[in-house]
Amino acid sequence: MGDLLSTLFRTVILDDTAYEEWRERPNLFLRGLVLILVISLVAGLLSFALNLVNEVRPVDVDRIEEEIRQAFDLQLQWNPAWQDPEIRQMMEDMIDVIVPMVADLARIEAPLPQGIVGFLNATTSWLSRAFTAIGGFLFYGALVLLFVNWLGGSAKLRDFYGMASLYVIPGLLTLLSPIPCLGALLWLIGAIWSIVVYIKATAVATDMEGGRAVLAVLAPFFALILLGVVVSMAVFLWVWFLV
């Protein structure tokens, strides 16, 4: 266990020997999936605890109304469309409808005690984030490997996934993401360093030099953004022509 932790730590500081040691371990693909699952669960512990507290405590209707009004006030301040008196009045009427609806829902008795329901909801959310991370990793990894092949690199699918899974380790910094200000900074640092580790792992797994590895890792991201823009524009034009 000590050797394993040492290897994983040294991959974060981009030690070439550590990447080779990880690459030579058996069942690399399975190890990679387990690594992502464990790191994702650990990184989400604080969020899980905060979510659990919010789930088990009684619904504060006054607090919900205050949060809704704060959100609407921001829209009134920054959204020009909301400057129209009719729009403003419509939003006020919506608050008068939403808040009593929330109060009525809060009075509905669940078949199980609130503590148990809250625990189950928080646990489900915590686990689903971890498994979503695995799904996203597999999807994005397939796109990266596609670009790797286009750029002249090569790697076995299972070996590539096993190496690329190392990207998740800097994500431990997101454990503190719920902390105001500091959490956002640590999340940003973790995200950037995860990309660096992903690029390094891709270069090792595919025997590509740094420049092509960078392109292979980042190209799918920009391709997905471009696809999203094209789809959004197509939907907008379709709705516009219908109207």
Protein backbone atom coordinates (compact mmCIF):
# COMPACT_ATOMS: atom_id res chain seq x y z
CA MET A 1 0.00 0.00 0.00
CA GLY A 2 2.85 2.36 0.85
CA ASP A 3 4.46 1.81 -2.56
CA LEU A 4 1.13 2.42 -4.28
CA LEU A 5 0.51 5.70 -2.45
CA SER A 6 4.07 6.80 -3.16
CA THR A 7 3.62 6.09 -6.86
CA LEU A 8 0.34 7.98 -7.01
CA PHE A 9 1.81 10.96 -5.17
CA ARG A 10 4.79 11.12 -7.51
CA THR A 11 2.53 11.10 -10.56
CA VAL A 12 1.08 14.37 -9.32
CA ILE A 13 4.54 15.96 -9.43
CA LEU A 14 5.00 14.49 -12.94
CA ASP A 15 7.71 12.02 -12.02
CA ASP A 16 8.46 9.92 -15.13
CA THR A 17 9.43 6.87 -13.07
CA ALA A 18 6.10 6.95 -11.23
CA TYR A 19 4.16 6.90 -14.50
CA GLU A 20 6.14 3.89 -15.68
CA GLU A 21 5.56 2.13 -12.34
CA TRP A 22 1.82 2.73 -12.61
CA ARG A 23 1.84 1.58 -16.24
CA GLU A 24 3.41 -1.76 -15.28
CA ARG A 25 0.80 -2.63 -12.65
CA PRO A 26 -1.62 -5.47 -13.55
CA ASN A 27 -5.32 -4.85 -14.28
CA LEU A 28 -4.57 -1.22 -15.06
CA PHE A 29 -8.01 -0.46 -16.46
CA LEU A 30 -9.81 -1.76 -13.37
CA ARG A 31 -7.34 -0.01 -11.09
CA GLY A 32 -8.03 3.22 -12.93
CA LEU A 33 -11.79 2.96 -12.48
CA VAL A 34 -11.39 2.16 -8.78
CA LEU A 35 -9.02 5.11 -8.41
CA ILE A 36 -11.57 7.49 -9.94
CA LEU A 37 -14.35 6.10 -7.78
CA VAL A 38 -12.37 6.36 -4.54
CA ILE A 39 -10.97 9.84 -5.22
CA SER A 40 -14.39 11.13 -6.30
CA LEU A 41 -16.00 9.81 -3.12
CA VAL A 42 -13.28 11.27 -0.90
CA ALA A 43 -13.39 14.62 -2.69
CA GLY A 44 -17.14 14.77 -2.18
CA LEU A 45 -17.13 14.04 1.56
CA LEU A 46 -17.50 17.64 2.72
CA SER A 47 -20.21 18.34 0.18
CA PHE A 48 -21.94 15.14 1.30
CA ALA A 49 -21.85 16.29 4.93
CA LEU A 50 -23.26 19.72 4.10
CA ASN A 51 -25.92 18.21 1.88
CA LEU A 52 -26.86 15.78 4.63
CA VAL A 53 -27.32 18.63 7.10
CA ASN A 54 -29.53 20.49 4.62
CA GLU A 55 -31.58 17.38 3.92
CA VAL A 56 -32.34 16.44 7.52
CA ARG A 57 -33.14 19.86 8.94
CA PRO A 58 -36.72 21.18 8.69
CA VAL A 59 -37.63 23.28 5.67
CA ASP A 60 -37.27 26.99 6.44
CA VAL A 61 -39.89 28.64 4.26
CA ASP A 62 -38.78 32.15 5.24
CA ARG A 63 -35.19 31.38 4.19
CA ILE A 64 -36.37 29.95 0.86
CA GLU A 65 -38.45 33.08 0.20
CA GLU A 66 -35.46 35.26 1.03
CA GLU A 67 -33.21 33.32 -1.36
CA ILE A 68 -35.81 33.54 -4.14
CA ARG A 69 -36.16 37.29 -3.63
CA GLN A 70 -32.37 37.72 -3.67
CA ALA A 71 -32.17 35.83 -6.96
CA PHE A 72 -34.94 37.96 -8.43
CA ASP A 73 -33.28 41.16 -7.18
CA LEU A 74 -30.09 40.20 -9.04
CA GLN A 75 -32.10 39.72 -12.21
CA LEU A 76 -33.80 43.07 -11.71
CA GLN A 77 -30.41 44.70 -11.27
CA TRP A 78 -28.54 43.14 -14.20
CA ASN A 79 -31.14 41.85 -16.66
CA PRO A 80 -32.53 44.68 -18.84
CA ALA A 81 -35.61 42.62 -19.75
CA TRP A 82 -36.67 42.64 -16.11
CA GLN A 83 -36.75 46.44 -15.97
CA ASP A 84 -40.21 46.35 -17.52
CA PRO A 85 -42.79 47.05 -14.75
CA GLU A 86 -45.06 44.31 -16.11
CA ILE A 87 -42.26 41.73 -15.94
CA ARG A 88 -41.40 42.87 -12.43
CA GLN A 89 -45.00 42.50 -11.30
CA MET A 90 -45.22 39.06 -12.90
CA MET A 91 -42.14 37.96 -10.96
CA GLU A 92 -43.62 39.23 -7.71
CA ASP A 93 -46.80 37.28 -8.42
CA MET A 94 -44.69 34.18 -9.05
CA ILE A 95 -43.08 34.52 -5.62
CA ASP A 96 -46.53 34.71 -4.05
CA VAL A 97 -47.35 31.40 -5.75
CA ILE A 98 -44.05 29.55 -5.29
CA VAL A 99 -43.53 30.19 -1.56
CA PRO A 100 -46.92 28.82 -0.40
CA MET A 101 -46.39 25.85 -2.74
CA VAL A 102 -43.05 25.09 -1.04
CA ALA A 103 -44.71 25.38 2.37
CA ASP A 104 -47.43 22.93 1.36
CA LEU A 105 -44.89 20.45 0.04
CA ALA A 106 -42.89 20.72 3.26
CA ARG A 107 -45.97 19.75 5.30
CA ILE A 108 -46.45 16.48 3.41
CA GLU A 109 -45.47 13.61 5.67
CA ALA A 110 -43.03 11.14 4.12
CA PRO A 111 -43.49 7.39 4.78
CA LEU A 112 -40.04 7.36 6.41
CA PRO A 113 -38.60 9.69 9.08
CA GLN A 114 -37.02 12.84 7.67
CA GLY A 115 -33.59 11.85 8.94
CA ILE A 116 -33.62 8.57 7.01
CA VAL A 117 -34.99 10.20 3.85
CA GLY A 118 -32.38 12.97 4.10
CA PHE A 119 -29.59 10.45 4.58
CA LEU A 120 -30.72 8.41 1.58
CA ASN A 121 -31.01 11.52 -0.61
CA ALA A 122 -27.58 12.79 0.40
CA THR A 123 -25.98 9.38 -0.07
CA THR A 124 -27.59 8.90 -3.48
CA SER A 125 -26.33 12.31 -4.61
CA TRP A 126 -22.84 11.56 -3.28
CA LEU A 127 -22.60 8.20 -5.04
CA SER A 128 -24.16 9.42 -8.27
CA ARG A 129 -21.51 12.12 -8.61
CA ALA A 130 -18.77 9.51 -8.32
CA PHE A 131 -20.32 7.24 -10.95
CA THR A 132 -21.03 10.25 -13.17
CA ALA A 133 -17.32 11.08 -12.97
CA ILE A 134 -16.52 7.57 -14.26
CA GLY A 135 -19.02 7.93 -17.12
CA GLY A 136 -17.64 11.31 -18.11
CA PHE A 137 -14.10 9.97 -17.94
CA LEU A 138 -14.89 7.05 -20.25
CA PHE A 139 -16.70 9.28 -22.75
CA TYR A 140 -14.03 11.97 -22.88
CA GLY A 141 -11.24 9.39 -22.94
CA ALA A 142 -12.74 7.79 -26.03
CA LEU A 143 -12.68 11.18 -27.77
CA VAL A 144 -9.08 11.79 -26.71
CA LEU A 145 -8.02 8.38 -28.01
CA LEU A 146 -9.74 9.18 -31.30
CA PHE A 147 -7.64 12.33 -31.67
CA VAL A 148 -4.55 10.39 -30.58
CA ASN A 149 -5.04 8.05 -33.53
CA TRP A 150 -5.59 10.97 -35.89
CA LEU A 151 -2.34 12.55 -34.68
CA GLY A 152 -0.32 9.41 -35.28
CA GLY A 153 -0.21 8.02 -31.76
CA SER A 154 -1.41 4.64 -30.60
CA ALA A 155 -2.41 2.91 -27.39
CA LYS A 156 -4.61 0.06 -26.28
CA LEU A 157 -7.94 1.30 -24.99
CA ARG A 158 -7.68 -0.34 -21.57
CA ASP A 159 -4.07 0.77 -21.06
CA PHE A 160 -4.90 4.33 -22.08
CA TYR A 161 -7.82 4.53 -19.66
CA GLY A 162 -5.69 3.10 -16.88
CA MET A 163 -3.01 5.76 -17.40
CA ALA A 164 -5.41 8.64 -17.96
CA SER A 165 -7.24 7.86 -14.69
CA LEU A 166 -4.32 9.49 -12.85
CA TYR A 167 -5.85 12.86 -13.75
CA VAL A 168 -8.31 12.47 -10.88
CA ILE A 169 -5.72 12.72 -8.08
CA PRO A 170 -5.41 16.55 -8.03
CA GLY A 171 -9.21 16.53 -7.74
CA LEU A 172 -8.73 15.84 -4.03
CA LEU A 173 -8.42 19.62 -3.71
CA THR A 174 -12.15 19.86 -4.46
CA LEU A 175 -12.75 18.33 -1.04
CA LEU A 176 -12.58 21.91 0.25
CA SER A 177 -14.62 23.43 -2.59
CA PRO A 178 -17.62 24.27 -0.34
CA ILE A 179 -15.42 26.71 1.61
CA PRO A 180 -16.17 30.26 0.39
CA CYS A 181 -13.43 31.91 -1.71
CA LEU A 182 -10.70 29.43 -0.77
CA GLY A 183 -12.73 26.52 -2.12
CA ALA A 184 -13.12 28.14 -5.55
CA LEU A 185 -9.38 28.83 -5.75
CA LEU A 186 -8.50 25.26 -4.76
CA TRP A 187 -11.02 23.91 -7.26
CA LEU A 188 -9.39 25.97 -10.03
CA ILE A 189 -5.90 24.81 -9.07
CA GLY A 190 -7.08 21.19 -8.94
CA ALA A 191 -8.79 21.48 -12.34
CA ILE A 192 -5.71 22.94 -14.03
CA TRP A 193 -3.38 20.40 -12.46
CA SER A 194 -5.71 17.56 -13.45
CA ILE A 195 -5.40 18.68 -17.08
CA VAL A 196 -1.61 18.74 -16.75
CA VAL A 197 -1.58 15.21 -15.32
CA TYR A 198 -3.98 14.01 -18.04
CA ILE A 199 -1.65 15.37 -20.72
CA LYS A 200 1.36 13.75 -19.09
CA ALA A 201 -0.45 10.40 -18.78
CA THR A 202 -1.56 10.61 -22.41
CA ALA A 203 1.99 11.27 -23.56
CA VAL A 204 3.27 8.26 -21.60
CA ALA A 205 0.46 5.92 -22.69
CA THR A 206 0.70 6.80 -26.39
CA ASP A 207 4.43 7.54 -26.70
CA MET A 208 3.60 10.96 -28.12
CA GLU A 209 5.64 14.10 -27.58
CA GLY A 210 4.21 16.86 -25.42
CA GLY A 211 2.78 19.07 -28.16
CA ARG A 212 0.69 16.36 -29.79
CA ALA A 213 -0.43 15.08 -26.38
CA VAL A 214 -1.66 18.58 -25.47
CA LEU A 215 -3.56 18.81 -28.74
CA ALA A 216 -5.08 15.35 -28.32
CA VAL A 217 -6.33 16.13 -24.80
CA LEU A 218 -7.66 19.64 -25.45
CA ALA A 219 -9.08 19.17 -28.96
CA PRO A 220 -12.17 17.21 -27.79
CA PHE A 221 -13.00 19.96 -25.30
CA PHE A 222 -13.06 22.65 -27.97
CA ALA A 223 -14.82 20.33 -30.39
CA LEU A 224 -17.61 19.78 -27.85
CA ILE A 225 -17.89 23.54 -27.26
CA LEU A 226 -18.13 24.14 -31.01
CA LEU A 227 -20.75 21.42 -31.33
CA GLY A 228 -22.74 22.98 -28.49
CA VAL A 229 -22.64 26.40 -30.18
CA VAL A 230 -23.74 24.94 -33.53
CA VAL A 231 -26.60 23.00 -31.94
CA SER A 232 -27.72 26.05 -29.94
CA MET A 233 -27.72 28.20 -33.04
CA ALA A 234 -29.64 25.55 -34.99
CA VAL A 235 -32.27 25.31 -32.26
CA PHE A 236 -32.53 29.11 -32.04
CA LEU A 237 -32.98 29.46 -35.80
CA TRP A 238 -35.52 26.63 -35.86
CA VAL A 239 -37.59 28.28 -33.11
CA TRP A 240 -37.23 31.67 -34.75
CA PHE A 241 -38.50 30.40 -38.09
CA LEU A 242 -41.40 28.65 -36.37
CA VAL A 243 -42.42 31.88 -34.66
